[in-house]
Amino acid sequence: PIALFGLTLLLGLIGGELARRSRVLPSISGYIAVGFLVGP
């Protein structure tokens, strides 16, 4: 669980930065998208 928790946080950070660089999506959209992808 600890490794998965850290990995989820790192992936969220990457997703948020990719969304921000799109200049269309806010970083929040990237965080949520990563959560959805790693979720059920």
PDB file of all heavy atoms in Angstrom:
ATOM      1  N   PRO A   1       0.810  -1.229   0.000  1.00  0.00           N
ATOM      2  CA  PRO A   1       0.000   0.000   0.000  1.00  0.00           C
ATOM      3  C   PRO A   1       0.839   1.273   0.000  1.00  0.00           C
ATOM      4  O   PRO A   1       0.482   2.254  -0.653  1.00  0.00           O
ATOM      5  CB  PRO A   1      -0.823  -0.128   1.286  1.00  0.00           C
ATOM      6  CG  PRO A   1      -0.857  -1.583   1.586  1.00  0.00           C
ATOM      7  CD  PRO A   1       0.448  -2.128   1.095  1.00  0.00           C
ATOM      8  N   ILE A   2       1.988   1.255   0.721  1.00  0.00           N
ATOM      9  CA  ILE A   2       2.814   2.460   0.792  1.00  0.00           C
ATOM     10  C   ILE A   2       3.430   2.763  -0.572  1.00  0.00           C
ATOM     11  O   ILE A   2       3.440   3.912  -1.036  1.00  0.00           O
ATOM     12  CB  ILE A   2       3.915   2.291   1.863  1.00  0.00           C
ATOM     13  CG1 ILE A   2       3.274   2.111   3.246  1.00  0.00           C
ATOM     14  CG2 ILE A   2       4.849   3.503   1.869  1.00  0.00           C
ATOM     15  CD1 ILE A   2       4.260   1.812   4.343  1.00  0.00           C
ATOM     16  N   ALA A   3       3.954   1.711  -1.236  1.00  0.00           N
ATOM     17  CA  ALA A   3       4.545   1.910  -2.570  1.00  0.00           C
ATOM     18  C   ALA A   3       3.488   2.378  -3.568  1.00  0.00           C
ATOM     19  O   ALA A   3       3.737   3.286  -4.377  1.00  0.00           O
ATOM     20  CB  ALA A   3       5.194   0.616  -3.051  1.00  0.00           C
ATOM     21  N   LEU A   4       2.294   1.767  -3.517  1.00  0.00           N
ATOM     22  CA  LEU A   4       1.213   2.173  -4.425  1.00  0.00           C
ATOM     23  C   LEU A   4       0.787   3.610  -4.160  1.00  0.00           C
ATOM     24  O   LEU A   4       0.488   4.364  -5.083  1.00  0.00           O
ATOM     25  CB  LEU A   4       0.014   1.231  -4.267  1.00  0.00           C
ATOM     26  CG  LEU A   4       0.101  -0.113  -4.991  1.00  0.00           C
ATOM     27  CD1 LEU A   4      -1.098  -0.985  -4.623  1.00  0.00           C
ATOM     28  CD2 LEU A   4       0.167   0.080  -6.489  1.00  0.00           C
ATOM     29  N   PHE A   5       0.767   3.978  -2.880  1.00  0.00           N
ATOM     30  CA  PHE A   5       0.365   5.342  -2.513  1.00  0.00           C
ATOM     31  C   PHE A   5       1.363   6.352  -3.081  1.00  0.00           C
ATOM     32  O   PHE A   5       0.979   7.362  -3.680  1.00  0.00           O
ATOM     33  CB  PHE A   5       0.297   5.445  -0.990  1.00  0.00           C
ATOM     34  CG  PHE A   5      -0.377   6.685  -0.502  1.00  0.00           C
ATOM     35  CD1 PHE A   5      -1.755   6.799  -0.542  1.00  0.00           C
ATOM     36  CD2 PHE A   5       0.363   7.747   0.000  1.00  0.00           C
ATOM     37  CE1 PHE A   5      -2.389   7.947  -0.091  1.00  0.00           C
ATOM     38  CE2 PHE A   5      -0.262   8.887   0.451  1.00  0.00           C
ATOM     39  CZ  PHE A   5      -1.643   8.983   0.413  1.00  0.00           C
ATOM     40  N   GLY A   6       2.666   6.056  -2.909  1.00  0.00           N
ATOM     41  CA  GLY A   6       3.687   6.947  -3.451  1.00  0.00           C
ATOM     42  C   GLY A   6       3.655   7.007  -4.966  1.00  0.00           C
ATOM     43  O   GLY A   6       3.786   8.086  -5.566  1.00  0.00           O
ATOM     44  N   LEU A   7       3.454   5.851  -5.606  1.00  0.00           N
ATOM     45  CA  LEU A   7       3.379   5.809  -7.072  1.00  0.00           C
ATOM     46  C   LEU A   7       2.183   6.603  -7.580  1.00  0.00           C
ATOM     47  O   LEU A   7       2.287   7.340  -8.579  1.00  0.00           O
ATOM     48  CB  LEU A   7       3.285   4.354  -7.542  1.00  0.00           C
ATOM     49  CG  LEU A   7       3.175   4.138  -9.062  1.00  0.00           C
ATOM     50  CD1 LEU A   7       4.405   4.682  -9.772  1.00  0.00           C
ATOM     51  CD2 LEU A   7       2.967   2.666  -9.382  1.00  0.00           C
ATOM     52  N   THR A   8       1.061   6.479  -6.899  1.00  0.00           N
ATOM     53  CA  THR A   8      -0.142   7.226  -7.281  1.00  0.00           C
ATOM     54  C   THR A   8       0.105   8.723  -7.200  1.00  0.00           C
ATOM     55  O   THR A   8      -0.305   9.491  -8.079  1.00  0.00           O
ATOM     56  CB  THR A   8      -1.323   6.824  -6.383  1.00  0.00           C
ATOM     57  OG1 THR A   8      -1.544   5.423  -6.490  1.00  0.00           O
ATOM     58  CG2 THR A   8      -2.586   7.559  -6.785  1.00  0.00           C
ATOM     59  N   LEU A   9       0.789   9.158  -6.145  1.00  0.00           N
ATOM     60  CA  LEU A   9       1.102  10.583  -5.984  1.00  0.00           C
ATOM     61  C   LEU A   9       2.022  11.070  -7.095  1.00  0.00           C
ATOM     62  O   LEU A   9       1.808  12.139  -7.681  1.00  0.00           O
ATOM     63  CB  LEU A   9       1.746  10.813  -4.618  1.00  0.00           C
ATOM     64  CG  LEU A   9       2.167  12.243  -4.286  1.00  0.00           C
ATOM     65  CD1 LEU A   9       0.969  13.177  -4.330  1.00  0.00           C
ATOM     66  CD2 LEU A   9       2.837  12.302  -2.926  1.00  0.00           C
ATOM     67  N   LEU A  10       3.047  10.278  -7.430  1.00  0.00           N
ATOM     68  CA  LEU A  10       3.979  10.656  -8.493  1.00  0.00           C
ATOM     69  C   LEU A  10       3.289  10.722  -9.854  1.00  0.00           C
ATOM     70  O   LEU A  10       3.510  11.658 -10.642  1.00  0.00           O
ATOM     71  CB  LEU A  10       5.145   9.667  -8.542  1.00  0.00           C
ATOM     72  CG  LEU A  10       6.092   9.672  -7.332  1.00  0.00           C
ATOM     73  CD1 LEU A  10       7.082   8.525  -7.420  1.00  0.00           C
ATOM     74  CD2 LEU A  10       6.817  11.008  -7.223  1.00  0.00           C
ATOM     75  N   LEU A  11       2.440   9.729 -10.132  1.00  0.00           N
ATOM     76  CA  LEU A  11       1.712   9.736 -11.400  1.00  0.00           C
ATOM     77  C   LEU A  11       0.761  10.926 -11.474  1.00  0.00           C
ATOM     78  O   LEU A  11       0.587  11.543 -12.534  1.00  0.00           O
ATOM     79  CB  LEU A  11       0.936   8.424 -11.564  1.00  0.00           C
ATOM     80  CG  LEU A  11       1.779   7.160 -11.800  1.00  0.00           C
ATOM     81  CD1 LEU A  11       0.882   5.921 -11.783  1.00  0.00           C
ATOM     82  CD2 LEU A  11       2.526   7.259 -13.116  1.00  0.00           C
ATOM     83  N   GLY A  12       0.139  11.258 -10.335  1.00  0.00           N
ATOM     84  CA  GLY A  12      -0.747  12.418 -10.293  1.00  0.00           C
ATOM     85  C   GLY A  12      -0.001  13.698 -10.610  1.00  0.00           C
ATOM     86  O   GLY A  12      -0.488  14.559 -11.358  1.00  0.00           O
ATOM     87  N   LEU A  13       1.203  13.831 -10.052  1.00  0.00           N
ATOM     88  CA  LEU A  13       2.022  15.015 -10.312  1.00  0.00           C
ATOM     89  C   LEU A  13       2.347  15.131 -11.797  1.00  0.00           C
ATOM     90  O   LEU A  13       2.258  16.214 -12.395  1.00  0.00           O
ATOM     91  CB  LEU A  13       3.312  14.927  -9.492  1.00  0.00           C
ATOM     92  CG  LEU A  13       4.246  16.130  -9.540  1.00  0.00           C
ATOM     93  CD1 LEU A  13       3.572  17.359  -8.960  1.00  0.00           C
ATOM     94  CD2 LEU A  13       5.532  15.829  -8.787  1.00  0.00           C
ATOM     95  N   ILE A  14       2.715  14.013 -12.420  1.00  0.00           N
ATOM     96  CA  ILE A  14       3.021  14.006 -13.855  1.00  0.00           C
ATOM     97  C   ILE A  14       1.778  14.350 -14.674  1.00  0.00           C
ATOM     98  O   ILE A  14       1.830  15.166 -15.605  1.00  0.00           O
ATOM     99  CB  ILE A  14       3.584  12.632 -14.276  1.00  0.00           C
ATOM    100  CG1 ILE A  14       4.942  12.385 -13.612  1.00  0.00           C
ATOM    101  CG2 ILE A  14       3.722  12.551 -15.798  1.00  0.00           C
ATOM    102  CD1 ILE A  14       5.447  10.966 -13.761  1.00  0.00           C
ATOM    103  N   GLY A  15       0.635  13.741 -14.318  1.00  0.00           N
ATOM    104  CA  GLY A  15      -0.611  14.010 -15.035  1.00  0.00           C
ATOM    105  C   GLY A  15      -1.014  15.467 -14.953  1.00  0.00           C
ATOM    106  O   GLY A  15      -1.456  16.072 -15.946  1.00  0.00           O
ATOM    107  N   GLY A  16      -0.854  16.067 -13.775  1.00  0.00           N
ATOM    108  CA  GLY A  16      -1.197  17.480 -13.610  1.00  0.00           C
ATOM    109  C   GLY A  16      -0.317  18.380 -14.449  1.00  0.00           C
ATOM    110  O   GLY A  16      -0.793  19.349 -15.052  1.00  0.00           O
ATOM    111  N   GLU A  17       0.977  18.068 -14.518  1.00  0.00           N
ATOM    112  CA  GLU A  17       1.891  18.886 -15.307  1.00  0.00           C
ATOM    113  C   GLU A  17       1.595  18.754 -16.803  1.00  0.00           C
ATOM    114  O   GLU A  17       1.640  19.745 -17.551  1.00  0.00           O
ATOM    115  CB  GLU A  17       3.337  18.477 -15.013  1.00  0.00           C
ATOM    116  CG  GLU A  17       4.387  19.302 -15.735  1.00  0.00           C
ATOM    117  CD  GLU A  17       4.352  20.778 -15.379  1.00  0.00           C
ATOM    118  OE1 GLU A  17       3.791  21.131 -14.309  1.00  0.00           O
ATOM    119  OE2 GLU A  17       4.874  21.586 -16.176  1.00  0.00           O
ATOM    120  N   LEU A  18       1.279  17.543 -17.263  1.00  0.00           N
ATOM    121  CA  LEU A  18       0.932  17.350 -18.671  1.00  0.00           C
ATOM    122  C   LEU A  18      -0.337  18.120 -19.028  1.00  0.00           C
ATOM    123  O   LEU A  18      -0.434  18.726 -20.102  1.00  0.00           O
ATOM    124  CB  LEU A  18       0.756  15.863 -18.977  1.00  0.00           C
ATOM    125  CG  LEU A  18       2.039  15.009 -18.946  1.00  0.00           C
ATOM    126  CD1 LEU A  18       1.687  13.540 -19.142  1.00  0.00           C
ATOM    127  CD2 LEU A  18       3.024  15.474 -20.017  1.00  0.00           C
ATOM    128  N   ALA A  19      -1.319  18.095 -18.128  1.00  0.00           N
ATOM    129  CA  ALA A  19      -2.558  18.839 -18.378  1.00  0.00           C
ATOM    130  C   ALA A  19      -2.281  20.336 -18.443  1.00  0.00           C
ATOM    131  O   ALA A  19      -2.804  21.043 -19.314  1.00  0.00           O
ATOM    132  CB  ALA A  19      -3.572  18.528 -17.281  1.00  0.00           C
ATOM    133  N   ARG A  20      -1.447  20.833 -17.528  1.00  0.00           N
ATOM    134  CA  ARG A  20      -1.141  22.262 -17.510  1.00  0.00           C
ATOM    135  C   ARG A  20      -0.440  22.698 -18.788  1.00  0.00           C
ATOM    136  O   ARG A  20      -0.716  23.767 -19.344  1.00  0.00           O
ATOM    137  CB  ARG A  20      -0.263  22.588 -16.294  1.00  0.00           C
ATOM    138  CG  ARG A  20      -0.029  24.073 -16.062  1.00  0.00           C
ATOM    139  CD  ARG A  20       0.975  24.310 -14.971  1.00  0.00           C
ATOM    140  NE  ARG A  20       2.312  23.884 -15.366  1.00  0.00           N
ATOM    141  CZ  ARG A  20       3.136  24.613 -16.126  1.00  0.00           C
ATOM    142  NH1 ARG A  20       2.748  25.803 -16.576  1.00  0.00           N
ATOM    143  NH2 ARG A  20       4.339  24.168 -16.436  1.00  0.00           N
ATOM    144  N   ARG A  21       0.466  21.852 -19.298  1.00  0.00           N
ATOM    145  CA  ARG A  21       1.215  22.206 -20.500  1.00  0.00           C
ATOM    146  C   ARG A  21       0.359  22.168 -21.759  1.00  0.00           C
ATOM    147  O   ARG A  21       0.763  22.702 -22.794  1.00  0.00           O
ATOM    148  CB  ARG A  21       2.413  21.264 -20.659  1.00  0.00           C
ATOM    149  CG  ARG A  21       3.491  21.463 -19.609  1.00  0.00           C
ATOM    150  CD  ARG A  21       4.729  20.639 -19.892  1.00  0.00           C
ATOM    151  NE  ARG A  21       5.739  20.823 -18.867  1.00  0.00           N
ATOM    152  CZ  ARG A  21       6.965  20.321 -18.928  1.00  0.00           C
ATOM    153  NH1 ARG A  21       7.331  19.604 -19.982  1.00  0.00           N
ATOM    154  NH2 ARG A  21       7.818  20.531 -17.946  1.00  0.00           N
ATOM    155  N   SER A  22      -0.800  21.541 -21.663  1.00  0.00           N
ATOM    156  CA  SER A  22      -1.702  21.530 -22.820  1.00  0.00           C
ATOM    157  C   SER A  22      -2.267  22.915 -23.105  1.00  0.00           C
ATOM    158  O   SER A  22      -2.768  23.181 -24.185  1.00  0.00           O
ATOM    159  CB  SER A  22      -2.855  20.547 -22.586  1.00  0.00           C
ATOM    160  OG  SER A  22      -3.763  21.058 -21.616  1.00  0.00           O
ATOM    161  N   ARG A  23      -2.218  23.814 -22.096  1.00  0.00           N
ATOM    162  CA  ARG A  23      -2.756  25.176 -22.178  1.00  0.00           C
ATOM    163  C   ARG A  23      -4.269  25.205 -22.404  1.00  0.00           C
ATOM    164  O   ARG A  23      -4.835  26.251 -22.719  1.00  0.00           O
ATOM    165  CB  ARG A  23      -2.037  26.001 -23.263  1.00  0.00           C
ATOM    166  CG  ARG A  23      -0.564  26.200 -22.980  1.00  0.00           C
ATOM    167  CD  ARG A  23       0.073  27.201 -23.920  1.00  0.00           C
ATOM    168  NE  ARG A  23       1.458  27.443 -23.545  1.00  0.00           N
ATOM    169  CZ  ARG A  23       1.843  28.335 -22.639  1.00  0.00           C
ATOM    170  NH1 ARG A  23       0.928  29.054 -22.007  1.00  0.00           N
ATOM    171  NH2 ARG A  23       3.116  28.499 -22.350  1.00  0.00           N
ATOM    172  N   VAL A  24      -4.910  24.075 -22.284  1.00  0.00           N
ATOM    173  CA  VAL A  24      -6.375  23.991 -22.380  1.00  0.00           C
ATOM    174  C   VAL A  24      -6.943  23.464 -21.072  1.00  0.00           C
ATOM    175  O   VAL A  24      -7.918  23.993 -20.547  1.00  0.00           O
ATOM    176  CB  VAL A  24      -6.795  23.066 -23.545  1.00  0.00           C
ATOM    177  CG1 VAL A  24      -8.310  22.914 -23.581  1.00  0.00           C
ATOM    178  CG2 VAL A  24      -6.282  23.609 -24.868  1.00  0.00           C
ATOM    179  N   LEU A  25      -6.307  22.441 -20.537  1.00  0.00           N
ATOM    180  CA  LEU A  25      -6.783  21.801 -19.312  1.00  0.00           C
ATOM    181  C   LEU A  25      -6.043  22.352 -18.100  1.00  0.00           C
ATOM    182  O   LEU A  25      -4.828  22.573 -18.145  1.00  0.00           O
ATOM    183  CB  LEU A  25      -6.559  20.286 -19.382  1.00  0.00           C
ATOM    184  CG  LEU A  25      -7.274  19.532 -20.508  1.00  0.00           C
ATOM    185  CD1 LEU A  25      -6.802  18.084 -20.530  1.00  0.00           C
ATOM    186  CD2 LEU A  25      -8.776  19.603 -20.338  1.00  0.00           C
ATOM    187  N   PRO A  26      -6.749  22.556 -16.983  1.00  0.00           N
ATOM    188  CA  PRO A  26      -6.054  22.889 -15.735  1.00  0.00           C
ATOM    189  C   PRO A  26      -5.379  21.646 -15.164  1.00  0.00           C
ATOM    190  O   PRO A  26      -5.717  20.516 -15.526  1.00  0.00           O
ATOM    191  CB  PRO A  26      -7.193  23.369 -14.826  1.00  0.00           C
ATOM    192  CG  PRO A  26      -8.422  22.724 -15.355  1.00  0.00           C
ATOM    193  CD  PRO A  26      -8.211  22.554 -16.838  1.00  0.00           C
ATOM    194  N   SER A  27      -4.422  21.837 -14.276  1.00  0.00           N
ATOM    195  CA  SER A  27      -3.685  20.706 -13.706  1.00  0.00           C
ATOM    196  C   SER A  27      -4.596  19.742 -12.969  1.00  0.00           C
ATOM    197  O   SER A  27      -4.331  18.537 -12.929  1.00  0.00           O
ATOM    198  CB  SER A  27      -2.589  21.221 -12.768  1.00  0.00           C
ATOM    199  OG  SER A  27      -3.131  22.061 -11.764  1.00  0.00           O
ATOM    200  N   ILE A  28      -5.694  20.264 -12.402  1.00  0.00           N
ATOM    201  CA  ILE A  28      -6.647  19.408 -11.684  1.00  0.00           C
ATOM    202  C   ILE A  28      -7.148  18.281 -12.575  1.00  0.00           C
ATOM    203  O   ILE A  28      -7.303  17.135 -12.130  1.00  0.00           O
ATOM    204  CB  ILE A  28      -7.846  20.246 -11.189  1.00  0.00           C
ATOM    205  CG1 ILE A  28      -7.389  21.251 -10.144  1.00  0.00           C
ATOM    206  CG2 ILE A  28      -8.940  19.362 -10.608  1.00  0.00           C
ATOM    207  CD1 ILE A  28      -8.441  22.253  -9.779  1.00  0.00           C
ATOM    208  N   SER A  29      -7.402  18.590 -13.835  1.00  0.00           N
ATOM    209  CA  SER A  29      -7.906  17.570 -14.759  1.00  0.00           C
ATOM    210  C   SER A  29      -6.926  16.411 -14.888  1.00  0.00           C
ATOM    211  O   SER A  29      -7.327  15.248 -14.989  1.00  0.00           O
ATOM    212  CB  SER A  29      -8.170  18.187 -16.139  1.00  0.00           C
ATOM    213  OG  SER A  29      -9.133  19.219 -16.061  1.00  0.00           O
ATOM    214  N   GLY A  30      -5.622  16.720 -14.867  1.00  0.00           N
ATOM    215  CA  GLY A  30      -4.615  15.669 -14.947  1.00  0.00           C
ATOM    216  C   GLY A  30      -4.597  14.800 -13.706  1.00  0.00           C
ATOM    217  O   GLY A  30      -4.469  13.572 -13.792  1.00  0.00           O
ATOM    218  N   TYR A  31      -4.746  15.425 -12.519  1.00  0.00           N
ATOM    219  CA  TYR A  31      -4.777  14.645 -11.273  1.00  0.00           C
ATOM    220  C   TYR A  31      -5.946  13.667 -11.283  1.00  0.00           C
ATOM    221  O   TYR A  31      -5.806  12.490 -10.933  1.00  0.00           O
ATOM    222  CB  TYR A  31      -4.906  15.560 -10.055  1.00  0.00           C
ATOM    223  CG  TYR A  31      -3.853  16.637  -9.932  1.00  0.00           C
ATOM    224  CD1 TYR A  31      -4.165  17.877  -9.389  1.00  0.00           C
ATOM    225  CD2 TYR A  31      -2.548  16.411 -10.347  1.00  0.00           C
ATOM    226  CE1 TYR A  31      -3.210  18.868  -9.256  1.00  0.00           C
ATOM    227  CE2 TYR A  31      -1.588  17.410 -10.231  1.00  0.00           C
ATOM    228  CZ  TYR A  31      -1.929  18.631  -9.683  1.00  0.00           C
ATOM    229  OH  TYR A  31      -0.980  19.618  -9.570  1.00  0.00           O
ATOM    230  N   ILE A  32      -7.117  14.180 -11.665  1.00  0.00           N
ATOM    231  CA  ILE A  32      -8.323  13.348 -11.656  1.00  0.00           C
ATOM    232  C   ILE A  32      -8.219  12.231 -12.691  1.00  0.00           C
ATOM    233  O   ILE A  32      -8.604  11.084 -12.428  1.00  0.00           O
ATOM    234  CB  ILE A  32      -9.567  14.217 -11.915  1.00  0.00           C
ATOM    235  CG1 ILE A  32      -9.778  15.188 -10.749  1.00  0.00           C
ATOM    236  CG2 ILE A  32     -10.816  13.357 -12.108  1.00  0.00           C
ATOM    237  CD1 ILE A  32     -10.810  16.257 -11.007  1.00  0.00           C
ATOM    238  N   ALA A  33      -7.665  12.559 -13.873  1.00  0.00           N
ATOM    239  CA  ALA A  33      -7.523  11.551 -14.929  1.00  0.00           C
ATOM    240  C   ALA A  33      -6.621  10.411 -14.480  1.00  0.00           C
ATOM    241  O   ALA A  33      -6.922   9.231 -14.711  1.00  0.00           O
ATOM    242  CB  ALA A  33      -6.972  12.200 -16.199  1.00  0.00           C
ATOM    243  N   VAL A  34      -5.510  10.740 -13.804  1.00  0.00           N
ATOM    244  CA  VAL A  34      -4.603   9.701 -13.308  1.00  0.00           C
ATOM    245  C   VAL A  34      -5.310   8.837 -12.269  1.00  0.00           C
ATOM    246  O   VAL A  34      -5.202   7.603 -12.281  1.00  0.00           O
ATOM    247  CB  VAL A  34      -3.326  10.338 -12.715  1.00  0.00           C
ATOM    248  CG1 VAL A  34      -2.544   9.319 -11.887  1.00  0.00           C
ATOM    249  CG2 VAL A  34      -2.450  10.882 -13.834  1.00  0.00           C
ATOM    250  N   GLY A  35      -6.051   9.482 -11.362  1.00  0.00           N
ATOM    251  CA  GLY A  35      -6.790   8.723 -10.363  1.00  0.00           C
ATOM    252  C   GLY A  35      -7.772   7.758 -10.998  1.00  0.00           C
ATOM    253  O   GLY A  35      -7.901   6.599 -10.581  1.00  0.00           O
ATOM    254  N   PHE A  36      -8.479   8.243 -12.022  1.00  0.00           N
ATOM    255  CA  PHE A  36      -9.439   7.372 -12.708  1.00  0.00           C
ATOM    256  C   PHE A  36      -8.735   6.196 -13.380  1.00  0.00           C
ATOM    257  O   PHE A  36      -9.203   5.057 -13.329  1.00  0.00           O
ATOM    258  CB  PHE A  36     -10.222   8.178 -13.741  1.00  0.00           C
ATOM    259  CG  PHE A  36     -11.193   7.344 -14.549  1.00  0.00           C
ATOM    260  CD1 PHE A  36     -12.388   6.912 -13.983  1.00  0.00           C
ATOM    261  CD2 PHE A  36     -10.898   6.973 -15.850  1.00  0.00           C
ATOM    262  CE1 PHE A  36     -13.272   6.138 -14.708  1.00  0.00           C
ATOM    263  CE2 PHE A  36     -11.774   6.193 -16.581  1.00  0.00           C
ATOM    264  CZ  PHE A  36     -12.974   5.773 -16.015  1.00  0.00           C
ATOM    265  N   LEU A  37      -7.583   6.451 -14.000  1.00  0.00           N
ATOM    266  CA  LEU A  37      -6.870   5.397 -14.724  1.00  0.00           C
ATOM    267  C   LEU A  37      -6.333   4.312 -13.797  1.00  0.00           C
ATOM    268  O   LEU A  37      -6.323   3.132 -14.149  1.00  0.00           O
ATOM    269  CB  LEU A  37      -5.718   6.000 -15.538  1.00  0.00           C
ATOM    270  CG  LEU A  37      -6.131   6.840 -16.758  1.00  0.00           C
ATOM    271  CD1 LEU A  37      -4.917   7.497 -17.387  1.00  0.00           C
ATOM    272  CD2 LEU A  37      -6.870   5.977 -17.785  1.00  0.00           C
ATOM    273  N   VAL A  38      -5.872   4.701 -12.598  1.00  0.00           N
ATOM    274  CA  VAL A  38      -5.343   3.683 -11.680  1.00  0.00           C
ATOM    275  C   VAL A  38      -6.450   3.053 -10.833  1.00  0.00           C
ATOM    276  O   VAL A  38      -6.207   2.073 -10.127  1.00  0.00           O
ATOM    277  CB  VAL A  38      -4.250   4.268 -10.752  1.00  0.00           C
ATOM    278  CG1 VAL A  38      -3.110   4.833 -11.553  1.00  0.00           C
ATOM    279  CG2 VAL A  38      -4.830   5.308  -9.798  1.00  0.00           C
ATOM    280  N   GLY A  39      -7.666   3.618 -10.908  1.00  0.00           N
ATOM    281  CA  GLY A  39      -8.770   3.136 -10.095  1.00  0.00           C
ATOM    282  C   GLY A  39      -9.539   1.998 -10.736  1.00  0.00           C
ATOM    283  O   GLY A  39      -9.205   1.534 -11.833  1.00  0.00           O
ATOM    284  N   PRO A  40     -10.610   1.556 -10.052  1.00  0.00           N
ATOM    285  CA  PRO A  40     -11.396   0.420 -10.558  1.00  0.00           C
ATOM    286  C   PRO A  40     -12.119   0.708 -11.865  1.00  0.00           C
ATOM    287  O   PRO A  40     -12.541  -0.220 -12.555  1.00  0.00           O
ATOM    288  CB  PRO A  40     -12.395   0.152  -9.418  1.00  0.00           C
ATOM    289  CG  PRO A  40     -12.434   1.416  -8.626  1.00  0.00           C
ATOM    290  CD  PRO A  40     -11.081   2.030  -8.742  1.00  0.00           C
TER     291      PRO A  40
END
